[in-house]
Amino acid sequence: MFPMASARGQGLVEYALIMLLVALIVIIILALFGPAVGDLYSTIVSGI
């Protein structure tokens, strides 16, 4: 019925899904490597 509105809505949904995927990947990486990065940072700061 409204092809341009539908295409724009589809683009927004695809963009939102990509952003959700990126956010999930970042959260997983931080959960896995967060403690190691914190320990590394603490070691560097204590060495200064």
C-alpha atoms as a PDB file:
ATOM      1  CA  MET A   1       0.000   0.000   0.000  1.00  0.00           C
ATOM      2  CA  PHE A   2       2.761   2.465   0.987  1.00  0.00           C
ATOM      3  CA  PRO A   3       5.929   1.014  -0.580  1.00  0.00           C
ATOM      4  CA  MET A   4       8.264   3.823   0.510  1.00  0.00           C
ATOM      5  CA  ALA A   5       7.058   3.780   4.131  1.00  0.00           C
ATOM      6  CA  SER A   6       7.380  -0.001   4.206  1.00  0.00           C
ATOM      7  CA  ALA A   7      10.918   0.100   2.815  1.00  0.00           C
ATOM      8  CA  ARG A   8      11.922   2.783   5.302  1.00  0.00           C
ATOM      9  CA  GLY A   9      10.419   0.797   8.170  1.00  0.00           C
ATOM     10  CA  GLN A  10      12.233  -2.323   7.017  1.00  0.00           C
ATOM     11  CA  GLY A  11      15.516  -0.414   6.915  1.00  0.00           C
ATOM     12  CA  LEU A  12      14.985   0.864  10.445  1.00  0.00           C
ATOM     13  CA  VAL A  13      14.220  -2.632  11.716  1.00  0.00           C
ATOM     14  CA  GLU A  14      17.335  -4.035  10.041  1.00  0.00           C
ATOM     15  CA  TYR A  15      19.433  -1.227  11.532  1.00  0.00           C
ATOM     16  CA  ALA A  16      17.984  -1.887  14.991  1.00  0.00           C
ATOM     17  CA  LEU A  17      18.737  -5.612  14.695  1.00  0.00           C
ATOM     18  CA  ILE A  18      22.333  -4.913  13.671  1.00  0.00           C
ATOM     19  CA  MET A  19      22.779  -2.530  16.605  1.00  0.00           C
ATOM     20  CA  LEU A  20      21.302  -5.147  18.958  1.00  0.00           C
ATOM     21  CA  LEU A  21      23.737  -7.756  17.631  1.00  0.00           C
ATOM     22  CA  VAL A  22      26.706  -5.411  18.083  1.00  0.00           C
ATOM     23  CA  ALA A  23      25.591  -4.556  21.628  1.00  0.00           C
ATOM     24  CA  LEU A  24      25.276  -8.245  22.521  1.00  0.00           C
ATOM     25  CA  ILE A  25      28.751  -8.980  21.140  1.00  0.00           C
ATOM     26  CA  VAL A  26      30.242  -6.110  23.164  1.00  0.00           C
ATOM     27  CA  ILE A  27      28.495  -7.287  26.341  1.00  0.00           C
ATOM     28  CA  ILE A  28      29.742 -10.845  25.838  1.00  0.00           C
ATOM     29  CA  ILE A  29      33.310  -9.688  25.186  1.00  0.00           C
ATOM     30  CA  LEU A  30      33.275  -7.451  28.264  1.00  0.00           C
ATOM     31  CA  ALA A  31      31.868 -10.258  30.405  1.00  0.00           C
ATOM     32  CA  LEU A  32      34.588 -12.641  29.235  1.00  0.00           C
ATOM     33  CA  PHE A  33      37.592 -10.319  29.205  1.00  0.00           C
ATOM     34  CA  GLY A  34      36.549  -7.652  31.731  1.00  0.00           C
ATOM     35  CA  PRO A  35      38.308  -9.147  34.758  1.00  0.00           C
ATOM     36  CA  ALA A  36      41.515  -9.751  32.792  1.00  0.00           C
ATOM     37  CA  VAL A  37      41.544  -6.175  31.498  1.00  0.00           C
ATOM     38  CA  GLY A  38      40.889  -4.876  35.032  1.00  0.00           C
ATOM     39  CA  ASP A  39      43.789  -6.896  36.409  1.00  0.00           C
ATOM     40  CA  LEU A  40      46.071  -5.658  33.630  1.00  0.00           C
ATOM     41  CA  TYR A  41      45.050  -2.067  34.318  1.00  0.00           C
ATOM     42  CA  SER A  42      45.660  -2.501  38.043  1.00  0.00           C
ATOM     43  CA  THR A  43      49.109  -3.935  37.369  1.00  0.00           C
ATOM     44  CA  ILE A  44      50.002  -1.020  35.116  1.00  0.00           C
ATOM     45  CA  VAL A  45      48.713   1.588  37.586  1.00  0.00           C
ATOM     46  CA  SER A  46      50.515   0.016  40.524  1.00  0.00           C
ATOM     47  CA  GLY A  47      53.749  -0.003  38.520  1.00  0.00           C
ATOM     48  CA  ILE A  48      53.604   3.750  37.931  1.00  0.00           C
END
